[in-house]
Full PDB file with SEQRES, HELIX, SHEET, SSBOND, CRYST1, ORIGX, SCALE, CONECT and MASTER records, all heavy atoms in Angstrom:
SEQRES   1 A   43  ARG LEU LEU ILE GLY GLN PHE LEU ARG PRO VAL LEU ILE          
SEQRES   2 A   43  ALA ASN LEU VAL ALA TRP PRO LEU ALA TYR VAL ALA MET          
SEQRES   3 A   43  ARG THR TRP LEU ALA GLY PHE ASP ASP GLN ILE ALA LEU          
SEQRES   4 A   43  SER PRO LEU TYR                                              
HELIX    1 AA1 LEU A    2  LEU A   30  1                                  29    
CRYST1    1.000    1.000    1.000  90.00  90.00  90.00 P 1           1          
ORIGX1      1.000000  0.000000  0.000000        0.00000                         
ORIGX2      0.000000  1.000000  0.000000        0.00000                         
ORIGX3      0.000000  0.000000  1.000000        0.00000                         
SCALE1      1.000000  0.000000  0.000000        0.00000                         
SCALE2      0.000000  1.000000  0.000000        0.00000                         
SCALE3      0.000000  0.000000  1.000000        0.00000                         
ATOM      1  N   ARG A   1     -16.245 -11.799  17.425  1.00  0.00           N  
ATOM      2  CA  ARG A   1     -15.877 -10.392  17.205  1.00  0.00           C  
ATOM      3  C   ARG A   1     -14.610 -10.039  17.987  1.00  0.00           C  
ATOM      4  O   ARG A   1     -13.726  -9.343  17.480  1.00  0.00           O  
ATOM      5  CB  ARG A   1     -17.028  -9.490  17.625  1.00  0.00           C  
ATOM      6  CG  ARG A   1     -16.927  -8.104  17.086  1.00  0.00           C  
ATOM      7  CD  ARG A   1     -18.190  -7.334  17.330  1.00  0.00           C  
ATOM      8  NE  ARG A   1     -19.279  -8.320  17.325  1.00  0.00           N  
ATOM      9  CZ  ARG A   1     -20.399  -8.244  18.011  1.00  0.00           C  
ATOM     10  NH1 ARG A   1     -20.659  -7.251  18.717  1.00  0.00           N  
ATOM     11  NH2 ARG A   1     -21.317  -9.174  17.981  1.00  0.00           N  
ATOM     12  N   LEU A   2     -14.488 -10.516  19.207  1.00  0.00           N  
ATOM     13  CA  LEU A   2     -13.314 -10.248  20.029  1.00  0.00           C  
ATOM     14  C   LEU A   2     -12.051 -10.831  19.383  1.00  0.00           C  
ATOM     15  O   LEU A   2     -11.036 -10.138  19.232  1.00  0.00           O  
ATOM     16  CB  LEU A   2     -13.503 -10.841  21.431  1.00  0.00           C  
ATOM     17  CG  LEU A   2     -12.281 -10.804  22.347  1.00  0.00           C  
ATOM     18  CD1 LEU A   2     -12.089  -9.403  22.894  1.00  0.00           C  
ATOM     19  CD2 LEU A   2     -12.430 -11.807  23.457  1.00  0.00           C  
ATOM     20  N   LEU A   3     -12.134 -12.101  18.997  1.00  0.00           N  
ATOM     21  CA  LEU A   3     -10.953 -12.761  18.424  1.00  0.00           C  
ATOM     22  C   LEU A   3     -10.585 -12.203  17.063  1.00  0.00           C  
ATOM     23  O   LEU A   3      -9.402 -11.979  16.774  1.00  0.00           O  
ATOM     24  CB  LEU A   3     -11.194 -14.270  18.357  1.00  0.00           C  
ATOM     25  CG  LEU A   3     -11.307 -14.978  19.709  1.00  0.00           C  
ATOM     26  CD1 LEU A   3     -11.706 -16.420  19.512  1.00  0.00           C  
ATOM     27  CD2 LEU A   3     -10.002 -14.874  20.474  1.00  0.00           C  
ATOM     28  N   ILE A   4     -11.578 -11.960  16.222  1.00  0.00           N  
ATOM     29  CA  ILE A   4     -11.283 -11.423  14.895  1.00  0.00           C  
ATOM     30  C   ILE A   4     -10.746 -10.001  14.999  1.00  0.00           C  
ATOM     31  O   ILE A   4      -9.805  -9.626  14.298  1.00  0.00           O  
ATOM     32  CB  ILE A   4     -12.531 -11.515  13.992  1.00  0.00           C  
ATOM     33  CG1 ILE A   4     -12.760 -12.971  13.593  1.00  0.00           C  
ATOM     34  CG2 ILE A   4     -12.377 -10.641  12.757  1.00  0.00           C  
ATOM     35  CD1 ILE A   4     -13.959 -13.213  12.738  1.00  0.00           C  
ATOM     36  N   GLY A   5     -11.323  -9.206  15.881  1.00  0.00           N  
ATOM     37  CA  GLY A   5     -10.826  -7.841  16.068  1.00  0.00           C  
ATOM     38  C   GLY A   5      -9.389  -7.820  16.528  1.00  0.00           C  
ATOM     39  O   GLY A   5      -8.600  -6.957  16.130  1.00  0.00           O  
ATOM     40  N   GLN A   6      -9.033  -8.784  17.371  1.00  0.00           N  
ATOM     41  CA  GLN A   6      -7.668  -8.868  17.873  1.00  0.00           C  
ATOM     42  C   GLN A   6      -6.683  -9.167  16.742  1.00  0.00           C  
ATOM     43  O   GLN A   6      -5.567  -8.668  16.749  1.00  0.00           O  
ATOM     44  CB  GLN A   6      -7.577  -9.950  18.941  1.00  0.00           C  
ATOM     45  CG  GLN A   6      -6.191 -10.120  19.497  1.00  0.00           C  
ATOM     46  CD  GLN A   6      -6.092 -11.313  20.416  1.00  0.00           C  
ATOM     47  OE1 GLN A   6      -7.041 -12.055  20.593  1.00  0.00           O  
ATOM     48  NE2 GLN A   6      -4.934 -11.495  21.010  1.00  0.00           N  
ATOM     49  N   PHE A   7      -7.091  -9.969  15.776  1.00  0.00           N  
ATOM     50  CA  PHE A   7      -6.176 -10.341  14.697  1.00  0.00           C  
ATOM     51  C   PHE A   7      -6.210  -9.376  13.522  1.00  0.00           C  
ATOM     52  O   PHE A   7      -5.240  -9.281  12.782  1.00  0.00           O  
ATOM     53  CB  PHE A   7      -6.469 -11.765  14.215  1.00  0.00           C  
ATOM     54  CG  PHE A   7      -6.041 -12.796  15.194  1.00  0.00           C  
ATOM     55  CD1 PHE A   7      -6.969 -13.490  15.936  1.00  0.00           C  
ATOM     56  CD2 PHE A   7      -4.710 -13.061  15.393  1.00  0.00           C  
ATOM     57  CE1 PHE A   7      -6.580 -14.436  16.852  1.00  0.00           C  
ATOM     58  CE2 PHE A   7      -4.304 -14.004  16.312  1.00  0.00           C  
ATOM     59  CZ  PHE A   7      -5.237 -14.696  17.040  1.00  0.00           C  
ATOM     60  N   LEU A   8      -7.298  -8.672  13.320  1.00  0.00           N  
ATOM     61  CA  LEU A   8      -7.357  -7.745  12.194  1.00  0.00           C  
ATOM     62  C   LEU A   8      -6.630  -6.432  12.491  1.00  0.00           C  
ATOM     63  O   LEU A   8      -6.193  -5.745  11.570  1.00  0.00           O  
ATOM     64  CB  LEU A   8      -8.809  -7.469  11.807  1.00  0.00           C  
ATOM     65  CG  LEU A   8      -9.548  -8.640  11.169  1.00  0.00           C  
ATOM     66  CD1 LEU A   8     -10.922  -8.194  10.703  1.00  0.00           C  
ATOM     67  CD2 LEU A   8      -8.778  -9.240  10.019  1.00  0.00           C  
ATOM     68  N   ARG A   9      -6.501  -6.090  13.746  1.00  0.00           N  
ATOM     69  CA  ARG A   9      -5.807  -4.849  14.111  1.00  0.00           C  
ATOM     70  C   ARG A   9      -4.365  -4.842  13.592  1.00  0.00           C  
ATOM     71  O   ARG A   9      -3.953  -3.862  12.947  1.00  0.00           O  
ATOM     72  CB  ARG A   9      -5.860  -4.660  15.622  1.00  0.00           C  
ATOM     73  CG  ARG A   9      -5.576  -3.255  16.058  1.00  0.00           C  
ATOM     74  CD  ARG A   9      -5.864  -3.043  17.543  1.00  0.00           C  
ATOM     75  NE  ARG A   9      -7.264  -3.329  17.845  1.00  0.00           N  
ATOM     76  CZ  ARG A   9      -7.690  -4.212  18.746  1.00  0.00           C  
ATOM     77  NH1 ARG A   9      -6.821  -4.892  19.450  1.00  0.00           N  
ATOM     78  NH2 ARG A   9      -8.966  -4.418  18.955  1.00  0.00           N  
ATOM     79  N   PRO A  10      -3.558  -5.888  13.806  1.00  0.00           N  
ATOM     80  CA  PRO A  10      -2.196  -5.864  13.251  1.00  0.00           C  
ATOM     81  C   PRO A  10      -2.171  -5.834  11.716  1.00  0.00           C  
ATOM     82  O   PRO A  10      -1.264  -5.253  11.126  1.00  0.00           O  
ATOM     83  CB  PRO A  10      -1.560  -7.155  13.768  1.00  0.00           C  
ATOM     84  CG  PRO A  10      -2.372  -7.553  14.935  1.00  0.00           C  
ATOM     85  CD  PRO A  10      -3.746  -7.035  14.697  1.00  0.00           C  
ATOM     86  N   VAL A  11      -3.156  -6.451  11.089  1.00  0.00           N  
ATOM     87  CA  VAL A  11      -3.206  -6.423   9.625  1.00  0.00           C  
ATOM     88  C   VAL A  11      -3.443  -4.994   9.145  1.00  0.00           C  
ATOM     89  O   VAL A  11      -2.814  -4.527   8.189  1.00  0.00           O  
ATOM     90  CB  VAL A  11      -4.295  -7.388   9.094  1.00  0.00           C  
ATOM     91  CG1 VAL A  11      -4.469  -7.251   7.597  1.00  0.00           C  
ATOM     92  CG2 VAL A  11      -3.959  -8.819   9.455  1.00  0.00           C  
ATOM     93  N   LEU A  12      -4.320  -4.276   9.817  1.00  0.00           N  
ATOM     94  CA  LEU A  12      -4.568  -2.868   9.462  1.00  0.00           C  
ATOM     95  C   LEU A  12      -3.323  -2.008   9.680  1.00  0.00           C  
ATOM     96  O   LEU A  12      -2.982  -1.169   8.839  1.00  0.00           O  
ATOM     97  CB  LEU A  12      -5.736  -2.315  10.275  1.00  0.00           C  
ATOM     98  CG  LEU A  12      -7.115  -2.761   9.845  1.00  0.00           C  
ATOM     99  CD1 LEU A  12      -8.154  -2.315  10.861  1.00  0.00           C  
ATOM    100  CD2 LEU A  12      -7.444  -2.207   8.478  1.00  0.00           C  
ATOM    101  N   ILE A  13      -2.649  -2.215  10.796  1.00  0.00           N  
ATOM    102  CA  ILE A  13      -1.435  -1.447  11.086  1.00  0.00           C  
ATOM    103  C   ILE A  13      -0.361  -1.753  10.044  1.00  0.00           C  
ATOM    104  O   ILE A  13       0.332  -0.850   9.560  1.00  0.00           O  
ATOM    105  CB  ILE A  13      -0.941  -1.738  12.514  1.00  0.00           C  
ATOM    106  CG1 ILE A  13      -1.935  -1.163  13.526  1.00  0.00           C  
ATOM    107  CG2 ILE A  13       0.445  -1.158  12.744  1.00  0.00           C  
ATOM    108  CD1 ILE A  13      -1.699  -1.600  14.953  1.00  0.00           C  
ATOM    109  N   ALA A  14      -0.229  -3.019   9.672  1.00  0.00           N  
ATOM    110  CA  ALA A  14       0.750  -3.398   8.641  1.00  0.00           C  
ATOM    111  C   ALA A  14       0.428  -2.734   7.310  1.00  0.00           C  
ATOM    112  O   ALA A  14       1.333  -2.305   6.590  1.00  0.00           O  
ATOM    113  CB  ALA A  14       0.780  -4.919   8.484  1.00  0.00           C  
ATOM    114  N   ASN A  15      -0.856  -2.625   6.983  1.00  0.00           N  
ATOM    115  CA  ASN A  15      -1.238  -1.947   5.745  1.00  0.00           C  
ATOM    116  C   ASN A  15      -0.883  -0.473   5.786  1.00  0.00           C  
ATOM    117  O   ASN A  15      -0.411   0.089   4.801  1.00  0.00           O  
ATOM    118  CB  ASN A  15      -2.730  -2.126   5.482  1.00  0.00           C  
ATOM    119  CG  ASN A  15      -3.010  -3.411   4.768  1.00  0.00           C  
ATOM    120  OD1 ASN A  15      -2.631  -3.576   3.628  1.00  0.00           O  
ATOM    121  ND2 ASN A  15      -3.661  -4.330   5.444  1.00  0.00           N  
ATOM    122  N   LEU A  16      -1.107   0.169   6.911  1.00  0.00           N  
ATOM    123  CA  LEU A  16      -0.777   1.591   7.024  1.00  0.00           C  
ATOM    124  C   LEU A  16       0.728   1.835   6.917  1.00  0.00           C  
ATOM    125  O   LEU A  16       1.157   2.861   6.389  1.00  0.00           O  
ATOM    126  CB  LEU A  16      -1.321   2.157   8.340  1.00  0.00           C  
ATOM    127  CG  LEU A  16      -2.838   2.241   8.426  1.00  0.00           C  
ATOM    128  CD1 LEU A  16      -3.267   2.741   9.802  1.00  0.00           C  
ATOM    129  CD2 LEU A  16      -3.391   3.148   7.334  1.00  0.00           C  
ATOM    130  N   VAL A  17       1.527   0.880   7.391  1.00  0.00           N  
ATOM    131  CA  VAL A  17       2.978   0.998   7.256  1.00  0.00           C  
ATOM    132  C   VAL A  17       3.394   0.704   5.814  1.00  0.00           C  
ATOM    133  O   VAL A  17       4.301   1.352   5.277  1.00  0.00           O  
ATOM    134  CB  VAL A  17       3.685   0.041   8.242  1.00  0.00           C  
ATOM    135  CG1 VAL A  17       5.172  -0.052   7.959  1.00  0.00           C  
ATOM    136  CG2 VAL A  17       3.442   0.494   9.672  1.00  0.00           C  
ATOM    137  N   ALA A  18       2.722  -0.234   5.179  1.00  0.00           N  
ATOM    138  CA  ALA A  18       3.116  -0.667   3.834  1.00  0.00           C  
ATOM    139  C   ALA A  18       2.731   0.339   2.752  1.00  0.00           C  
ATOM    140  O   ALA A  18       3.388   0.394   1.709  1.00  0.00           O  
ATOM    141  CB  ALA A  18       2.498  -2.022   3.522  1.00  0.00           C  
ATOM    142  N   TRP A  19       1.669   1.114   2.960  1.00  0.00           N  
ATOM    143  CA  TRP A  19       1.216   2.038   1.915  1.00  0.00           C  
ATOM    144  C   TRP A  19       2.305   3.006   1.461  1.00  0.00           C  
ATOM    145  O   TRP A  19       2.564   3.110   0.261  1.00  0.00           O  
ATOM    146  CB  TRP A  19      -0.008   2.812   2.380  1.00  0.00           C  
ATOM    147  CG  TRP A  19      -1.290   2.066   2.292  1.00  0.00           C  
ATOM    148  CD1 TRP A  19      -1.478   0.739   2.046  1.00  0.00           C  
ATOM    149  CD2 TRP A  19      -2.590   2.613   2.468  1.00  0.00           C  
ATOM    150  NE1 TRP A  19      -2.803   0.434   2.078  1.00  0.00           N  
ATOM    151  CE2 TRP A  19      -3.507   1.564   2.333  1.00  0.00           C  
ATOM    152  CE3 TRP A  19      -3.062   3.879   2.745  1.00  0.00           C  
ATOM    153  CZ2 TRP A  19      -4.872   1.748   2.434  1.00  0.00           C  
ATOM    154  CZ3 TRP A  19      -4.422   4.063   2.861  1.00  0.00           C  
ATOM    155  CH2 TRP A  19      -5.319   3.009   2.695  1.00  0.00           C  
ATOM    156  N   PRO A  20       2.957   3.748   2.356  1.00  0.00           N  
ATOM    157  CA  PRO A  20       3.990   4.672   1.869  1.00  0.00           C  
ATOM    158  C   PRO A  20       5.157   3.950   1.202  1.00  0.00           C  
ATOM    159  O   PRO A  20       5.695   4.433   0.198  1.00  0.00           O  
ATOM    160  CB  PRO A  20       4.466   5.421   3.122  1.00  0.00           C  
ATOM    161  CG  PRO A  20       3.485   5.121   4.176  1.00  0.00           C  
ATOM    162  CD  PRO A  20       2.754   3.885   3.791  1.00  0.00           C  
ATOM    163  N   LEU A  21       5.549   2.804   1.752  1.00  0.00           N  
ATOM    164  CA  LEU A  21       6.653   2.056   1.149  1.00  0.00           C  
ATOM    165  C   LEU A  21       6.289   1.568  -0.251  1.00  0.00           C  
ATOM    166  O   LEU A  21       7.098   1.652  -1.183  1.00  0.00           O  
ATOM    167  CB  LEU A  21       7.031   0.874   2.044  1.00  0.00           C  
ATOM    168  CG  LEU A  21       7.543   1.235   3.441  1.00  0.00           C  
ATOM    169  CD1 LEU A  21       7.733  -0.020   4.275  1.00  0.00           C  
ATOM    170  CD2 LEU A  21       8.821   2.024   3.352  1.00  0.00           C  
ATOM    171  N   ALA A  22       5.087   1.058  -0.399  1.00  0.00           N  
ATOM    172  CA  ALA A  22       4.639   0.589  -1.711  1.00  0.00           C  
ATOM    173  C   ALA A  22       4.504   1.749  -2.685  1.00  0.00           C  
ATOM    174  O   ALA A  22       4.832   1.616  -3.865  1.00  0.00           O  
ATOM    175  CB  ALA A  22       3.315  -0.143  -1.571  1.00  0.00           C  
ATOM    176  N   TYR A  23       4.047   2.901  -2.210  1.00  0.00           N  
ATOM    177  CA  TYR A  23       3.899   4.067  -3.079  1.00  0.00           C  
ATOM    178  C   TYR A  23       5.262   4.497  -3.626  1.00  0.00           C  
ATOM    179  O   TYR A  23       5.414   4.722  -4.825  1.00  0.00           O  
ATOM    180  CB  TYR A  23       3.241   5.218  -2.319  1.00  0.00           C  
ATOM    181  CG  TYR A  23       3.057   6.456  -3.168  1.00  0.00           C  
ATOM    182  CD1 TYR A  23       1.989   6.523  -4.053  1.00  0.00           C  
ATOM    183  CD2 TYR A  23       3.939   7.505  -3.102  1.00  0.00           C  
ATOM    184  CE1 TYR A  23       1.812   7.635  -4.850  1.00  0.00           C  
ATOM    185  CE2 TYR A  23       3.770   8.618  -3.894  1.00  0.00           C  
ATOM    186  CZ  TYR A  23       2.709   8.693  -4.766  1.00  0.00           C  
ATOM    187  OH  TYR A  23       2.551   9.789  -5.562  1.00  0.00           O  
ATOM    188  N   VAL A  24       6.260   4.570  -2.751  1.00  0.00           N  
ATOM    189  CA  VAL A  24       7.602   4.972  -3.189  1.00  0.00           C  
ATOM    190  C   VAL A  24       8.176   3.936  -4.155  1.00  0.00           C  
ATOM    191  O   VAL A  24       8.749   4.288  -5.197  1.00  0.00           O  
ATOM    192  CB  VAL A  24       8.527   5.176  -1.972  1.00  0.00           C  
ATOM    193  CG1 VAL A  24       9.978   5.327  -2.396  1.00  0.00           C  
ATOM    194  CG2 VAL A  24       8.074   6.381  -1.165  1.00  0.00           C  
ATOM    195  N   ALA A  25       8.013   2.649  -3.842  1.00  0.00           N  
ATOM    196  CA  ALA A  25       8.529   1.599  -4.721  1.00  0.00           C  
ATOM    197  C   ALA A  25       7.848   1.627  -6.083  1.00  0.00           C  
ATOM    198  O   ALA A  25       8.513   1.501  -7.122  1.00  0.00           O  
ATOM    199  CB  ALA A  25       8.345   0.232  -4.065  1.00  0.00           C  
ATOM    200  N   MET A  26       6.542   1.818  -6.105  1.00  0.00           N  
ATOM    201  CA  MET A  26       5.821   1.851  -7.378  1.00  0.00           C  
ATOM    202  C   MET A  26       6.183   3.085  -8.193  1.00  0.00           C  
ATOM    203  O   MET A  26       6.317   3.014  -9.420  1.00  0.00           O  
ATOM    204  CB  MET A  26       4.305   1.800  -7.132  1.00  0.00           C  
ATOM    205  CG  MET A  26       3.819   0.465  -6.609  1.00  0.00           C  
ATOM    206  SD  MET A  26       4.225  -0.916  -7.690  1.00  0.00           S  
ATOM    207  CE  MET A  26       3.283  -0.518  -9.126  1.00  0.00           C  
ATOM    208  N   ARG A  27       6.331   4.243  -7.543  1.00  0.00           N  
ATOM    209  CA  ARG A  27       6.719   5.466  -8.270  1.00  0.00           C  
ATOM    210  C   ARG A  27       8.092   5.286  -8.902  1.00  0.00           C  
ATOM    211  O   ARG A  27       8.329   5.695 -10.031  1.00  0.00           O  
ATOM    212  CB  ARG A  27       6.750   6.679  -7.339  1.00  0.00           C  
ATOM    213  CG  ARG A  27       5.435   7.208  -6.875  1.00  0.00           C  
ATOM    214  CD  ARG A  27       4.406   7.487  -7.919  1.00  0.00           C  
ATOM    215  NE  ARG A  27       4.593   8.620  -8.776  1.00  0.00           N  
ATOM    216  CZ  ARG A  27       4.037   8.698  -9.975  1.00  0.00           C  
ATOM    217  NH1 ARG A  27       3.318   7.717 -10.444  1.00  0.00           N  
ATOM    218  NH2 ARG A  27       4.179   9.753 -10.719  1.00  0.00           N  
ATOM    219  N   THR A  28       9.004   4.685  -8.148  1.00  0.00           N  
ATOM    220  CA  THR A  28      10.350   4.461  -8.665  1.00  0.00           C  
ATOM    221  C   THR A  28      10.327   3.505  -9.850  1.00  0.00           C  
ATOM    222  O   THR A  28      10.986   3.743 -10.866  1.00  0.00           O  
ATOM    223  CB  THR A  28      11.258   3.892  -7.549  1.00  0.00           C  
ATOM    224  OG1 THR A  28      11.225   4.789  -6.439  1.00  0.00           O  
ATOM    225  CG2 THR A  28      12.669   3.718  -8.026  1.00  0.00           C  
ATOM    226  N   TRP A  29       9.553   2.435  -9.740  1.00  0.00           N  
ATOM    227  CA  TRP A  29       9.486   1.457 -10.820  1.00  0.00           C  
ATOM    228  C   TRP A  29       8.790   2.037 -12.046  1.00  0.00           C  
ATOM    229  O   TRP A  29       9.242   1.846 -13.174  1.00  0.00           O  
ATOM    230  CB  TRP A  29       8.756   0.212 -10.319  1.00  0.00           C  
ATOM    231  CG  TRP A  29       8.656  -0.882 -11.337  1.00  0.00           C  
ATOM    232  CD1 TRP A  29       9.674  -1.573 -11.907  1.00  0.00           C  
ATOM    233  CD2 TRP A  29       7.454  -1.389 -11.904  1.00  0.00           C  
ATOM    234  NE1 TRP A  29       9.190  -2.489 -12.792  1.00  0.00           N  
ATOM    235  CE2 TRP A  29       7.829  -2.403 -12.817  1.00  0.00           C  
ATOM    236  CE3 TRP A  29       6.114  -1.099 -11.738  1.00  0.00           C  
ATOM    237  CZ2 TRP A  29       6.901  -3.109 -13.543  1.00  0.00           C  
ATOM    238  CZ3 TRP A  29       5.195  -1.820 -12.464  1.00  0.00           C  
ATOM    239  CH2 TRP A  29       5.590  -2.811 -13.359  1.00  0.00           C  
ATOM    240  N   LEU A  30       7.698   2.752 -11.827  1.00  0.00           N  
ATOM    241  CA  LEU A  30       6.952   3.309 -12.949  1.00  0.00           C  
ATOM    242  C   LEU A  30       7.690   4.450 -13.635  1.00  0.00           C  
ATOM    243  O   LEU A  30       7.401   4.764 -14.792  1.00  0.00           O  
ATOM    244  CB  LEU A  30       5.572   3.785 -12.486  1.00  0.00           C  
ATOM    245  CG  LEU A  30       4.594   2.682 -12.107  1.00  0.00           C  
ATOM    246  CD1 LEU A  30       3.342   3.286 -11.485  1.00  0.00           C  
ATOM    247  CD2 LEU A  30       4.241   1.826 -13.304  1.00  0.00           C  
ATOM    248  N   ALA A  31       8.637   5.082 -12.960  1.00  0.00           N  
ATOM    249  CA  ALA A  31       9.399   6.179 -13.570  1.00  0.00           C  
ATOM    250  C   ALA A  31      10.269   5.678 -14.721  1.00  0.00           C  
ATOM    251  O   ALA A  31      10.660   6.465 -15.586  1.00  0.00           O  
ATOM    252  CB  ALA A  31      10.261   6.861 -12.514  1.00  0.00           C  
ATOM    253  N   GLY A  32      10.541   4.385 -14.769  1.00  0.00           N  
ATOM    254  CA  GLY A  32      11.364   3.829 -15.835  1.00  0.00           C  
ATOM    255  C   GLY A  32      10.621   3.619 -17.146  1.00  0.00           C  
ATOM    256  O   GLY A  32      11.221   3.239 -18.143  1.00  0.00           O  
ATOM    257  N   PHE A  33       9.333   3.889 -17.196  1.00  0.00           N  
ATOM    258  CA  PHE A  33       8.542   3.686 -18.402  1.00  0.00           C  
ATOM    259  C   PHE A  33       8.267   5.022 -19.076  1.00  0.00           C  
ATOM    260  O   PHE A  33       8.145   6.060 -18.414  1.00  0.00           O  
ATOM    261  CB  PHE A  33       7.211   3.001 -18.070  1.00  0.00           C  
ATOM    262  CG  PHE A  33       7.374   1.573 -17.614  1.00  0.00           C  
ATOM    263  CD1 PHE A  33       7.399   1.265 -16.263  1.00  0.00           C  
ATOM    264  CD2 PHE A  33       7.523   0.555 -18.530  1.00  0.00           C  
ATOM    265  CE1 PHE A  33       7.560  -0.030 -15.833  1.00  0.00           C  
ATOM    266  CE2 PHE A  33       7.682  -0.752 -18.112  1.00  0.00           C  
ATOM    267  CZ  PHE A  33       7.700  -1.045 -16.758  1.00  0.00           C  
ATOM    268  N   ASP A  34       8.147   5.002 -20.382  1.00  0.00           N  
ATOM    269  CA  ASP A  34       7.860   6.221 -21.136  1.00  0.00           C  
ATOM    270  C   ASP A  34       6.439   6.704 -20.905  1.00  0.00           C  
ATOM    271  O   ASP A  34       6.206   7.905 -20.766  1.00  0.00           O  
ATOM    272  CB  ASP A  34       8.085   5.994 -22.639  1.00  0.00           C  
ATOM    273  CG  ASP A  34       9.559   5.792 -22.956  1.00  0.00           C  
ATOM    274  OD1 ASP A  34      10.393   6.317 -22.191  1.00  0.00           O  
ATOM    275  OD2 ASP A  34       9.864   5.114 -23.940  1.00  0.00           O  
ATOM    276  N   ASP A  35       5.491   5.784 -20.897  1.00  0.00           N  
ATOM    277  CA  ASP A  35       4.096   6.160 -20.674  1.00  0.00           C  
ATOM    278  C   ASP A  35       3.818   6.141 -19.182  1.00  0.00           C  
ATOM    279  O   ASP A  35       3.769   5.087 -18.556  1.00  0.00           O  
ATOM    280  CB  ASP A  35       3.147   5.178 -21.384  1.00  0.00           C  
ATOM    281  CG  ASP A  35       3.276   5.259 -22.889  1.00  0.00           C  
ATOM    282  OD1 ASP A  35       3.611   6.342 -23.385  1.00  0.00           O  
ATOM    283  OD2 ASP A  35       3.043   4.241 -23.555  1.00  0.00           O  
ATOM    284  N   GLN A  36       3.656   7.319 -18.609  1.00  0.00           N  
ATOM    285  CA  GLN A  36       3.417   7.434 -17.173  1.00  0.00           C  
ATOM    286  C   GLN A  36       1.934   7.242 -16.873  1.00  0.00           C  
ATOM    287  O   GLN A  36       1.081   7.715 -17.611  1.00  0.00           O  
ATOM    288  CB  GLN A  36       3.863   8.816 -16.673  1.00  0.00           C  
ATOM    289  CG  GLN A  36       5.337   9.093 -16.872  1.00  0.00           C  
ATOM    290  CD  GLN A  36       6.205   8.233 -15.980  1.00  0.00           C  
ATOM    291  OE1 GLN A  36       5.872   8.026 -14.827  1.00  0.00           O  
ATOM    292  NE2 GLN A  36       7.298   7.722 -16.514  1.00  0.00           N  
ATOM    293  N   ILE A  37       1.639   6.544 -15.781  1.00  0.00           N  
ATOM    294  CA  ILE A  37       0.264   6.415 -15.317  1.00  0.00           C  
ATOM    295  C   ILE A  37       0.202   6.938 -13.891  1.00  0.00           C  
ATOM    296  O   ILE A  37       1.198   6.919 -13.163  1.00  0.00           O  
ATOM    297  CB  ILE A  37      -0.255   4.961 -15.377  1.00  0.00           C  
ATOM    298  CG1 ILE A  37       0.543   4.054 -14.440  1.00  0.00           C  
ATOM    299  CG2 ILE A  37      -0.242   4.426 -16.785  1.00  0.00           C  
ATOM    300  CD1 ILE A  37      -0.100   2.722 -14.214  1.00  0.00           C  
ATOM    301  N   ALA A  38      -0.952   7.397 -13.499  1.00  0.00           N  
ATOM    302  CA  ALA A  38      -1.128   7.905 -12.146  1.00  0.00           C  
ATOM    303  C   ALA A  38      -1.391   6.741 -11.194  1.00  0.00           C  
ATOM    304  O   ALA A  38      -2.091   5.797 -11.539  1.00  0.00           O  
ATOM    305  CB  ALA A  38      -2.289   8.885 -12.110  1.00  0.00           C  
ATOM    306  N   LEU A  39      -0.815   6.842 -10.013  1.00  0.00           N  
ATOM    307  CA  LEU A  39      -1.072   5.840  -8.982  1.00  0.00           C  
ATOM    308  C   LEU A  39      -2.296   6.289  -8.200  1.00  0.00           C  
ATOM    309  O   LEU A  39      -2.263   7.281  -7.499  1.00  0.00           O  
ATOM    310  CB  LEU A  39       0.119   5.730  -8.032  1.00  0.00           C  
ATOM    311  CG  LEU A  39       1.187   4.744  -8.404  1.00  0.00           C  
ATOM    312  CD1 LEU A  39       2.304   4.749  -7.373  1.00  0.00           C  
ATOM    313  CD2 LEU A  39       0.643   3.361  -8.539  1.00  0.00           C  
ATOM    314  N   SER A  40      -3.351   5.529  -8.329  1.00  0.00           N  
ATOM    315  CA  SER A  40      -4.587   5.857  -7.645  1.00  0.00           C  
ATOM    316  C   SER A  40      -4.585   5.255  -6.244  1.00  0.00           C  
ATOM    317  O   SER A  40      -4.080   4.142  -6.049  1.00  0.00           O  
ATOM    318  CB  SER A  40      -5.771   5.307  -8.446  1.00  0.00           C  
ATOM    319  OG  SER A  40      -6.953   5.414  -7.705  1.00  0.00           O  
ATOM    320  N   PRO A  41      -5.166   5.951  -5.267  1.00  0.00           N  
ATOM    321  CA  PRO A  41      -5.299   5.357  -3.930  1.00  0.00           C  
ATOM    322  C   PRO A  41      -6.185   4.115  -3.924  1.00  0.00           C  
ATOM    323  O   PRO A  41      -6.120   3.313  -3.003  1.00  0.00           O  
ATOM    324  CB  PRO A  41      -5.935   6.468  -3.097  1.00  0.00           C  
ATOM    325  CG  PRO A  41      -5.793   7.706  -3.873  1.00  0.00           C  
ATOM    326  CD  PRO A  41      -5.609   7.325  -5.304  1.00  0.00           C  
ATOM    327  N   LEU A  42      -6.987   3.941  -4.971  1.00  0.00           N  
ATOM    328  CA  LEU A  42      -7.853   2.767  -5.042  1.00  0.00           C  
ATOM    329  C   LEU A  42      -7.056   1.470  -5.094  1.00  0.00           C  
ATOM    330  O   LEU A  42      -7.508   0.440  -4.600  1.00  0.00           O  
ATOM    331  CB  LEU A  42      -8.777   2.864  -6.245  1.00  0.00           C  
ATOM    332  CG  LEU A  42      -9.853   3.947  -6.169  1.00  0.00           C  
ATOM    333  CD1 LEU A  42     -10.655   3.992  -7.449  1.00  0.00           C  
ATOM    334  CD2 LEU A  42     -10.757   3.710  -4.978  1.00  0.00           C  
ATOM    335  N   TYR A  43      -5.858   1.508  -5.690  1.00  0.00           N  
ATOM    336  CA  TYR A  43      -5.020   0.307  -5.721  1.00  0.00           C  
ATOM    337  C   TYR A  43      -4.638  -0.106  -4.302  1.00  0.00           C  
ATOM    338  O   TYR A  43      -4.674  -1.287  -3.955  1.00  0.00           O  
ATOM    339  CB  TYR A  43      -3.746   0.549  -6.535  1.00  0.00           C  
ATOM    340  CG  TYR A  43      -3.994   0.896  -7.980  1.00  0.00           C  
ATOM    341  CD1 TYR A  43      -3.381   1.999  -8.560  1.00  0.00           C  
ATOM    342  CD2 TYR A  43      -4.834   0.128  -8.766  1.00  0.00           C  
ATOM    343  CE1 TYR A  43      -3.596   2.324  -9.883  1.00  0.00           C  
ATOM    344  CE2 TYR A  43      -5.060   0.446 -10.098  1.00  0.00           C  
ATOM    345  CZ  TYR A  43      -4.429   1.548 -10.645  1.00  0.00           C  
ATOM    346  OH  TYR A  43      -4.650   1.866 -11.951  1.00  0.00           O  
TER     347      TYR A  43                                                      
MASTER        0    0    0    1    0    0    0    6  346    1    0    4          
END                                                                             
């Protein structure tokens, strides 16, 4: 638990940093299509 917790913490932080960047990138890419779809937080 100690070792895994130590390594999963940076992965969680990286995900929190990546979410807004991925959201902006996906919105920009999806804006080029005629049929718009909603970006769900589930992705």
